[in-house]
Amino acid sequence: MSSSPSLLHLAVALDGAGWHPAAWREPVARPGELFTARYWAGLVAEAERGLLDFVTVEDGLGLQSSHLTEPDGRTDQVRGRLDAVLIAARVAPLTRHIGVVPSVVATHTEPFHLSKAIATLDYVSAGRAGLRVQISARQNEAAHFGRRPIPHIDLLNDPRAWESVAALFDEAVDYVEVVRRLWDSWEDDAEIRDTATGRFIDRDKLHYVDFESPHFSVKGPSITPRPPQGQPIVTALAHATIPYRLVARSADVGYVTPHDTAQARAIVEEIRTEQAAAGRAGELLHVFGDLVVFLDDTQAQASARRERLDGLAGYAYTSDARIFAGTPVQLADLLAELAAAGLSGFRLRPAVAGHDLPAITQKLVPELQRRGLFRQAYEADTLRGLLGLSRPANRYATTSTPPANTATAPANTATAPASAAVSV
């Protein structure tokens, strides 16, 4: 079901006790529960009570750090996290409508394993799964695997930095393509499950994906049947042209970080240009704005809380995204203004999860509803449905020679023979 074009989409990004580094020291933070299923289930249940489209769950391959590309030695901030995909699999059956989108690092993980995990999440959630794909340019994270060296990258001061990570984003494009092909490697009706004839699957409807690129060589098929959504949603965070191209080529939802309306408009225009260049001009691609939010009954209260948390942290908190400190009414004004620049939704980062997430669901959402900018009830049973995305046809069922979706990957032309289609 397509959503009304006048309605905003809303997601929240969950990260430990919240996005402010001192959030865990707030009375509502419950730091002793950060590594429990109950804590995460509570956050997602609160987001669902607010009728939000989906939650994302942060993850990484190294400890959190106050530095962009290397670890730090701090002991006064949250360090350590649970696996995002496993969190999602645990909380999804406890919800009914909200999408669950864990973060995954493409750089050091295998697309075959990830495709299977997210397909399983889509079954566990009955069609509400997605993923947020990200890269890793940290040397310490590469050292966990020992497969390839990652050079030291100074993203802040070296003008050549984006050139050095461009290959990682190209690899991420191929990664997503492999994942998507594996999701399609089983046709929708490949499972027969006929006890009378003893036939469980039709092996003619399982397909090799035969993906070859400089980064991957993947035969397929998957060992997991096609997910309920066909294709769970793929999302990515982007701050500049190279990651904008990843969004334009591979994603269903892109998260961007404009700090004003003019910047939002320019970013949307650039992504739309890249989308057309990628041959996707006719496809629905959402562009969400990311904001860190401190929400209180007055702007003075929100600003004072931010200052108090900065004092606990020992420095003024900054972010890649715009930081908003104010009231739900003021935030609703800002979201409406940014939406007019072409954003179709927003991913809000609660500064303190225990405080700002309920403020989003219980105060911001009613204000947006009062303005006719947000849903009054869930209107679809799948995440694709909530986002107005149709269920895609299976590429291997609709043509004998599926078109290649990347410049480096040849089209698949082979259907797996009955004797070799699967291995269990």
Protein backbone atom coordinates (compact mmCIF):
# COMPACT_ATOMS: atom_id res chain seq x y z
CA MET A 1 0.00 0.00 0.00
CA SER A 2 1.44 3.39 -0.92
CA SER A 3 1.58 6.03 1.75
CA SER A 4 0.15 9.48 1.22
CA PRO A 5 2.72 11.86 -0.27
CA SER A 6 1.74 14.46 2.36
CA LEU A 7 2.77 12.20 5.23
CA LEU A 8 6.26 12.10 6.68
CA HIS A 9 8.10 8.88 7.40
CA LEU A 10 9.80 8.62 10.78
CA ALA A 11 12.49 6.28 12.06
CA VAL A 12 14.68 6.33 15.15
CA ALA A 13 18.32 5.33 15.39
CA LEU A 14 19.04 3.35 18.56
CA ASP A 15 22.57 3.35 19.95
CA GLY A 16 23.17 2.15 23.51
CA ALA A 17 21.91 4.63 26.09
CA GLY A 18 21.61 7.37 23.49
CA TRP A 19 23.71 9.40 21.10
CA HIS A 20 25.20 11.80 23.64
CA PRO A 21 28.34 10.19 25.12
CA ALA A 22 27.17 10.98 28.67
CA ALA A 23 23.64 9.64 28.13
CA TRP A 24 24.38 6.50 30.16
CA ARG A 25 24.80 8.65 33.29
CA GLU A 26 21.23 9.95 33.20
CA PRO A 27 18.82 8.50 35.81
CA VAL A 28 16.55 7.14 33.03
CA ALA A 29 19.41 5.41 31.19
CA ARG A 30 19.52 2.05 33.04
CA PRO A 31 23.17 1.31 32.13
CA GLY A 32 22.99 -2.02 33.95
CA GLU A 33 20.48 -3.24 31.37
CA LEU A 34 22.24 -2.14 28.17
CA PHE A 35 23.28 -5.70 27.37
CA THR A 36 19.89 -7.30 28.01
CA ALA A 37 17.18 -8.27 25.56
CA ARG A 38 14.57 -6.60 27.77
CA TYR A 39 16.23 -3.20 27.36
CA TRP A 40 16.18 -3.36 23.56
CA ALA A 41 12.70 -4.84 23.44
CA GLY A 42 11.47 -1.91 25.52
CA LEU A 43 12.97 0.68 23.21
CA VAL A 44 11.50 -0.92 20.09
CA ALA A 45 8.10 -1.35 21.75
CA GLU A 46 8.09 2.36 22.59
CA ALA A 47 8.95 3.22 18.98
CA GLU A 48 6.08 1.03 17.79
CA ARG A 49 3.66 2.75 20.16
CA GLY A 50 4.57 5.94 18.32
CA LEU A 51 3.67 4.34 14.94
CA LEU A 52 7.19 4.87 13.62
CA ASP A 53 8.17 3.26 10.33
CA PHE A 54 11.25 1.50 11.64
CA VAL A 55 14.16 1.51 14.05
CA THR A 56 17.80 1.15 13.14
CA VAL A 57 20.27 -0.49 15.53
CA GLU A 58 23.87 0.69 15.48
CA ASP A 59 26.75 -1.77 15.25
CA GLY A 60 30.43 -1.92 14.44
CA LEU A 61 33.47 -4.17 14.38
CA GLY A 62 35.41 -2.29 17.04
CA LEU A 63 34.74 -0.55 20.32
CA GLN A 64 33.01 2.81 20.15
CA SER A 65 35.45 5.69 20.00
CA SER A 66 35.48 9.45 20.25
CA HIS A 67 37.92 9.40 17.32
CA LEU A 68 36.66 8.95 13.77
CA THR A 69 39.11 6.32 12.52
CA GLU A 70 40.91 4.92 15.55
CA PRO A 71 40.19 3.70 19.10
CA ASP A 72 40.49 5.91 22.16
CA GLY A 73 41.37 5.14 25.75
CA ARG A 74 38.28 6.56 27.42
CA THR A 75 36.67 4.65 30.25
CA ASP A 76 33.92 7.18 31.05
CA GLN A 77 31.74 6.36 28.02
CA VAL A 78 29.80 3.29 26.93
CA ARG A 79 32.07 0.74 25.31
CA GLY A 80 30.88 -2.58 23.95
CA ARG A 81 27.64 -3.52 22.24
CA LEU A 82 25.47 -6.48 21.33
CA ASP A 83 25.25 -7.75 17.74
CA ALA A 84 22.66 -5.67 15.90
CA VAL A 85 21.30 -8.49 13.73
CA LEU A 86 20.80 -10.69 16.79
CA ILE A 87 19.11 -7.85 18.69
CA ALA A 88 16.76 -7.41 15.73
CA ALA A 89 15.97 -11.13 15.60
CA ARG A 90 15.20 -11.12 19.32
CA VAL A 91 12.89 -8.09 19.39
CA ALA A 92 11.13 -8.54 16.04
CA PRO A 93 8.74 -11.30 17.21
CA LEU A 94 7.70 -9.06 20.12
CA THR A 95 6.37 -6.41 17.73
CA ARG A 96 3.70 -6.45 15.03
CA HIS A 97 4.13 -3.49 12.71
CA ILE A 98 7.41 -1.60 13.07
CA GLY A 99 10.36 -2.34 10.82
CA VAL A 100 13.64 -3.55 12.33
CA VAL A 101 16.83 -2.50 10.53
CA PRO A 102 20.19 -3.60 11.98
CA SER A 103 23.48 -2.08 10.86
CA VAL A 104 25.98 -4.35 9.11
CA VAL A 105 29.58 -3.71 8.05
CA ALA A 106 30.18 -4.76 4.47
CA THR A 107 33.94 -4.29 4.52
CA HIS A 108 34.89 -7.37 6.53
CA THR A 109 31.83 -9.61 6.35
CA GLU A 110 30.60 -11.98 3.67
CA PRO A 111 27.48 -11.09 1.66
CA PHE A 112 26.33 -14.73 1.59
CA HIS A 113 26.17 -14.88 5.39
CA LEU A 114 24.48 -11.49 5.62
CA SER A 115 21.86 -12.31 2.98
CA LYS A 116 20.92 -15.41 4.95
CA ALA A 117 20.74 -13.50 8.25
CA ILE A 118 18.52 -10.71 6.92
CA ALA A 119 16.30 -13.17 5.04
CA THR A 120 15.86 -15.03 8.33
CA LEU A 121 15.05 -11.74 10.08
CA ASP A 122 12.41 -11.07 7.43
CA TYR A 123 10.79 -14.43 8.24
CA VAL A 124 11.07 -13.84 11.99
CA SER A 125 9.42 -10.42 11.63
CA ALA A 126 6.86 -11.52 9.01
CA GLY A 127 8.15 -9.04 6.43
CA ARG A 128 9.54 -6.12 8.45
CA ALA A 129 13.30 -6.51 7.99
CA GLY A 130 15.92 -4.30 6.46
CA LEU A 131 19.59 -3.54 6.80
CA ARG A 132 21.77 -0.50 7.09
CA VAL A 133 24.97 -1.12 5.13
CA GLN A 134 28.15 0.66 6.17
CA ILE A 135 31.86 0.47 5.45
CA SER A 136 34.83 0.32 7.83
CA ALA A 137 38.01 2.30 7.20
CA ARG A 138 39.56 1.67 10.63
CA GLN A 139 42.88 -0.11 10.82
CA ASN A 140 42.09 -1.66 14.21
CA GLU A 141 38.92 -3.27 12.82
CA ALA A 142 40.79 -4.71 9.85
CA ALA A 143 43.25 -6.22 12.33
CA HIS A 144 40.45 -8.37 13.79
CA PHE A 145 40.31 -10.28 10.51
CA GLY A 146 43.83 -10.10 9.09
CA ARG A 147 42.65 -10.49 5.50
CA ARG A 148 43.82 -7.20 4.04
CA PRO A 149 45.56 -4.03 5.19
CA ILE A 150 43.65 -0.79 5.62
CA PRO A 151 45.85 2.32 5.33
CA HIS A 152 45.63 5.07 7.93
CA ILE A 153 43.01 7.54 6.72
CA ASP A 154 42.68 11.08 8.05
CA LEU A 155 39.17 11.95 6.93
CA LEU A 156 39.29 15.34 8.61
CA ASN A 157 42.57 16.76 7.32
CA ASP A 158 43.62 14.85 4.21
CA PRO A 159 41.93 16.11 1.01
CA ARG A 160 42.67 12.75 -0.63
CA ALA A 161 40.81 10.82 2.07
CA TRP A 162 37.60 10.27 0.10
CA GLU A 163 39.63 8.95 -2.83
CA SER A 164 41.23 6.36 -0.56
CA VAL A 165 37.85 5.07 0.67
CA ALA A 166 36.11 5.15 -2.73
CA ALA A 167 37.06 1.51 -3.32
CA LEU A 168 35.34 0.55 -0.07
CA PHE A 169 32.11 2.14 -1.27
CA ASP A 170 32.42 0.45 -4.67
CA GLU A 171 32.85 -2.82 -2.82
CA ALA A 172 29.72 -2.03 -0.77
CA VAL A 173 27.76 -1.55 -4.01
CA ASP A 174 28.83 -5.03 -5.15
CA TYR A 175 28.10 -6.39 -1.67
CA VAL A 176 24.51 -5.19 -1.81
CA GLU A 177 24.11 -6.54 -5.32
CA VAL A 178 25.25 -9.99 -4.19
CA VAL A 179 22.86 -9.88 -1.24
CA ARG A 180 19.95 -8.86 -3.48
CA ARG A 181 20.70 -11.59 -6.03
CA LEU A 182 20.88 -14.21 -3.30
CA TRP A 183 17.48 -13.10 -1.99
CA ASP A 184 16.16 -13.72 -5.51
CA SER A 185 17.96 -17.03 -5.98
CA TRP A 186 14.86 -18.88 -4.78
CA GLU A 187 11.68 -18.18 -6.72
CA ASP A 188 8.64 -17.44 -4.59
CA ASP A 189 7.03 -20.80 -5.31
CA ALA A 190 10.20 -22.90 -5.09
CA GLU A 191 8.87 -24.61 -1.96
CA ILE A 192 6.22 -27.20 -2.81
CA ARG A 193 5.82 -28.85 0.62
CA ASP A 194 3.59 -31.58 -0.80
CA THR A 195 3.51 -34.45 1.69
CA ALA A 196 1.46 -36.62 -0.67
CA THR A 197 4.14 -36.66 -3.39
CA GLY A 198 7.08 -36.20 -1.05
CA ARG A 199 8.32 -33.09 -2.88
CA PHE A 200 9.46 -30.25 -0.62
CA ILE A 201 11.17 -28.00 -3.19
CA ASP A 202 11.28 -27.55 -6.94
CA ARG A 203 15.00 -27.43 -7.68
CA ASP A 204 14.39 -25.92 -11.11
CA LYS A 205 13.30 -22.77 -9.25
CA LEU A 206 16.58 -22.36 -7.41
CA HIS A 207 19.16 -20.37 -9.32
CA TYR A 208 22.86 -19.72 -9.42
CA VAL A 209 23.62 -16.01 -9.08
CA ASP A 210 27.10 -16.34 -10.67
CA PHE A 211 28.28 -12.93 -9.49
CA GLU A 212 31.80 -11.95 -10.51
CA SER A 213 33.49 -8.64 -9.78
CA PRO A 214 36.88 -7.45 -8.55
CA HIS A 215 35.53 -7.79 -5.01
CA PHE A 216 33.41 -10.96 -4.98
CA SER A 217 32.93 -14.28 -6.71
CA VAL A 218 29.68 -15.82 -5.48
CA LYS A 219 27.99 -18.83 -7.01
CA GLY A 220 24.80 -19.21 -5.00
CA PRO A 221 22.01 -20.06 -4.59
CA SER A 222 21.15 -19.08 -1.04
CA ILE A 223 20.18 -21.74 1.46
CA THR A 224 17.28 -19.59 2.71
CA PRO A 225 14.06 -19.25 0.67
CA ARG A 226 13.17 -15.86 -0.77
CA PRO A 227 12.22 -13.46 2.06
CA PRO A 228 8.55 -12.55 2.63
CA GLN A 229 9.17 -9.03 1.27
CA GLY A 230 11.06 -10.44 -1.70
CA GLN A 231 13.71 -7.81 -1.04
CA PRO A 232 14.07 -6.47 2.51
CA ILE A 233 14.88 -2.77 2.42
CA VAL A 234 18.47 -1.62 2.10
CA THR A 235 19.50 1.66 3.73
CA ALA A 236 22.74 3.63 4.02
CA LEU A 237 24.06 6.79 5.67
CA ALA A 238 25.78 9.26 3.33
CA HIS A 239 27.63 12.53 3.84
CA ALA A 240 29.26 13.29 0.48
CA THR A 241 29.24 12.48 -3.22
CA ILE A 242 30.88 9.04 -3.04
CA PRO A 243 28.45 7.65 -0.44
CA TYR A 244 25.58 9.46 -2.18
CA ARG A 245 26.37 7.22 -5.15
CA LEU A 246 26.05 4.15 -2.93
CA VAL A 247 22.60 5.35 -1.90
CA ALA A 248 21.63 6.16 -5.48
CA ARG A 249 22.81 2.83 -6.89
CA SER A 250 21.91 0.40 -4.13
CA ALA A 251 19.55 1.69 -1.43
CA ASP A 252 15.83 2.02 -0.82
CA VAL A 253 16.40 4.64 1.89
CA GLY A 254 19.33 7.00 2.27
CA TYR A 255 20.08 8.94 5.45
CA VAL A 256 21.67 12.37 4.95
CA THR A 257 22.82 15.08 7.33
CA PRO A 258 21.80 18.56 6.10
CA HIS A 259 22.18 21.41 8.57
CA ASP A 260 19.73 23.75 6.84
CA THR A 261 17.06 23.78 4.16
CA ALA A 262 19.34 24.92 1.35
CA GLN A 263 21.78 22.12 2.07
CA ALA A 264 18.93 19.61 2.21
CA ARG A 265 17.70 20.71 -1.20
CA ALA A 266 21.20 20.48 -2.70
CA ILE A 267 21.78 17.01 -1.27
CA VAL A 268 18.45 15.70 -2.57
CA GLU A 269 19.18 17.11 -6.02
CA GLU A 270 22.61 15.47 -6.08
CA ILE A 271 21.20 12.10 -5.04
CA ARG A 272 18.45 12.33 -7.67
CA THR A 273 21.07 13.10 -10.33
CA GLU A 274 23.15 10.11 -9.24
CA GLN A 275 20.00 7.98 -9.14
CA ALA A 276 19.21 8.85 -12.75
CA ALA A 277 22.81 8.13 -13.77
CA ALA A 278 22.47 4.70 -12.15
CA GLY A 279 19.38 3.95 -14.26
CA ARG A 280 16.98 4.13 -11.32
CA ALA A 281 15.17 7.37 -12.14
CA GLY A 282 11.77 5.66 -12.10
CA GLU A 283 12.26 3.93 -8.75
CA LEU A 284 11.10 5.19 -5.37
CA LEU A 285 14.16 6.10 -3.32
CA HIS A 286 13.55 7.76 0.03
CA VAL A 287 15.92 10.40 1.35
CA PHE A 288 15.68 10.81 5.13
CA GLY A 289 17.27 13.60 7.13
CA ASP A 290 19.17 12.61 10.27
CA LEU A 291 18.95 14.77 13.40
CA VAL A 292 20.16 14.31 16.96
CA VAL A 293 17.34 15.46 19.24
CA PHE A 294 17.07 16.83 22.78
CA LEU A 295 13.33 17.24 23.35
CA ASP A 296 11.83 19.00 26.38
CA ASP A 297 8.80 21.09 27.27
CA THR A 298 10.77 24.32 26.77
CA GLN A 299 13.79 25.19 24.68
CA ALA A 300 15.56 26.40 27.82
CA GLN A 301 15.13 22.98 29.44
CA ALA A 302 16.45 21.19 26.36
CA SER A 303 19.46 23.49 26.06
CA ALA A 304 20.21 23.20 29.76
CA ARG A 305 20.08 19.39 29.57
CA ARG A 306 22.45 19.39 26.64
CA GLU A 307 24.86 21.67 28.52
CA ARG A 308 24.69 19.50 31.63
CA LEU A 309 25.47 16.36 29.62
CA ASP A 310 28.35 18.18 27.91
CA GLY A 311 29.69 18.99 31.36
CA LEU A 312 29.55 15.33 32.36
CA ALA A 313 31.33 14.35 29.14
CA GLY A 314 34.00 16.99 29.58
CA TYR A 315 33.52 18.56 26.16
CA ALA A 316 30.82 20.02 23.90
CA TYR A 317 29.14 17.23 21.98
CA THR A 318 29.22 17.55 18.20
CA SER A 319 27.80 15.31 15.49
CA ASP A 320 27.81 14.70 11.77
CA ALA A 321 24.08 15.45 11.92
CA ARG A 322 22.34 18.63 12.97
CA ILE A 323 21.74 18.77 16.73
CA PHE A 324 18.29 20.00 17.70
CA ALA A 325 17.52 21.12 21.26
CA GLY A 326 14.00 22.41 21.75
CA THR A 327 10.34 21.52 22.01
CA PRO A 328 8.29 19.01 20.01
CA VAL A 329 6.41 21.89 18.38
CA GLN A 330 9.66 23.51 17.29
CA LEU A 331 10.95 20.19 15.95
CA ALA A 332 7.71 19.66 14.01
CA ASP A 333 8.23 23.10 12.45
CA LEU A 334 11.77 22.16 11.44
CA LEU A 335 10.78 18.79 9.98
CA ALA A 336 8.05 20.42 7.88
CA GLU A 337 10.56 23.00 6.64
CA LEU A 338 13.15 20.37 5.69
CA ALA A 339 10.51 18.16 4.06
CA ALA A 340 9.64 21.04 1.76
CA ALA A 341 13.23 20.80 0.48
CA GLY A 342 12.59 17.26 -0.77
CA LEU A 343 13.18 14.98 2.20
CA SER A 344 10.52 12.28 2.50
CA GLY A 345 11.25 11.36 6.09
CA PHE A 346 13.58 11.61 9.04
CA ARG A 347 15.70 9.35 11.19
CA LEU A 348 15.89 10.87 14.64
CA ARG A 349 18.76 10.04 16.98
CA PRO A 350 17.60 10.34 20.62
CA ALA A 351 20.32 12.06 22.64
CA VAL A 352 19.18 10.09 25.70
CA ALA A 353 17.17 7.05 24.70
CA GLY A 354 15.20 6.85 27.93
CA HIS A 355 14.17 10.52 27.72
CA ASP A 356 14.10 11.55 24.08
CA LEU A 357 12.57 8.43 22.54
CA PRO A 358 9.36 8.76 24.64
CA ALA A 359 9.37 12.48 23.82
CA ILE A 360 9.38 11.58 20.13
CA THR A 361 6.60 9.01 20.40
CA GLN A 362 4.40 10.75 22.96
CA LYS A 363 4.87 14.42 22.10
CA LEU A 364 6.36 14.91 18.63
CA VAL A 365 4.17 12.29 16.92
CA PRO A 366 0.87 13.75 18.26
CA GLU A 367 2.00 17.20 17.11
CA LEU A 368 2.73 15.90 13.61
CA GLN A 369 -0.61 14.05 13.58
CA ARG A 370 -2.40 17.26 14.58
CA ARG A 371 -0.86 18.91 11.51
CA GLY A 372 -1.83 16.02 9.24
CA LEU A 373 1.81 15.12 8.64
CA PHE A 374 1.94 11.64 10.17
CA ARG A 375 -0.13 8.48 10.16
CA GLN A 376 -2.89 7.82 12.69
CA ALA A 377 -2.45 4.05 12.47
CA TYR A 378 -0.23 1.55 10.74
CA GLU A 379 -1.52 1.09 7.20
CA ALA A 380 0.55 -1.91 6.08
CA ASP A 381 1.89 -5.17 7.47
CA THR A 382 5.36 -5.03 5.90
CA LEU A 383 8.15 -2.48 6.00
CA ARG A 384 8.06 -2.12 2.23
CA GLY A 385 4.36 -1.42 2.54
CA LEU A 386 4.88 1.26 5.19
CA LEU A 387 7.41 2.96 2.93
CA GLY A 388 5.22 2.74 -0.16
CA LEU A 389 7.58 0.29 -1.87
CA SER A 390 6.01 -2.46 -3.94
CA ARG A 391 7.15 -6.06 -3.59
CA PRO A 392 9.63 -6.57 -6.46
CA ALA A 393 9.41 -9.37 -8.97
CA ASN A 394 12.06 -12.06 -8.78
CA ARG A 395 14.70 -11.29 -11.42
CA TYR A 396 15.34 -14.95 -12.17
CA ALA A 397 11.67 -15.88 -12.53
CA THR A 398 10.86 -13.11 -14.99
CA THR A 399 13.66 -13.51 -17.53
CA SER A 400 16.07 -16.21 -18.56
CA THR A 401 18.86 -13.65 -18.86
CA PRO A 402 18.57 -11.19 -15.98
CA PRO A 403 20.21 -7.82 -16.60
CA ALA A 404 23.36 -6.97 -14.69
CA ASN A 405 22.82 -4.29 -12.06
CA THR A 406 26.44 -3.24 -11.72
CA ALA A 407 29.01 -2.30 -14.31
CA THR A 408 31.38 -4.97 -13.04
CA ALA A 409 29.00 -7.91 -12.72
CA PRO A 410 27.91 -9.98 -15.72
CA ALA A 411 24.32 -11.03 -16.06
CA ASN A 412 23.39 -14.44 -14.74
CA THR A 413 22.46 -16.79 -17.56
CA ALA A 414 22.43 -20.15 -15.85
CA THR A 415 19.67 -21.88 -13.97
CA ALA A 416 20.94 -24.38 -11.43
CA PRO A 417 20.47 -27.96 -12.61
CA ALA A 418 18.32 -30.18 -10.43
CA SER A 419 21.30 -32.19 -9.31
CA ALA A 420 23.41 -29.20 -8.24
CA ALA A 421 21.06 -26.40 -7.29
CA VAL A 422 21.40 -26.69 -3.55
CA SER A 423 23.66 -28.19 -0.96
CA VAL A 424 22.35 -28.83 2.54
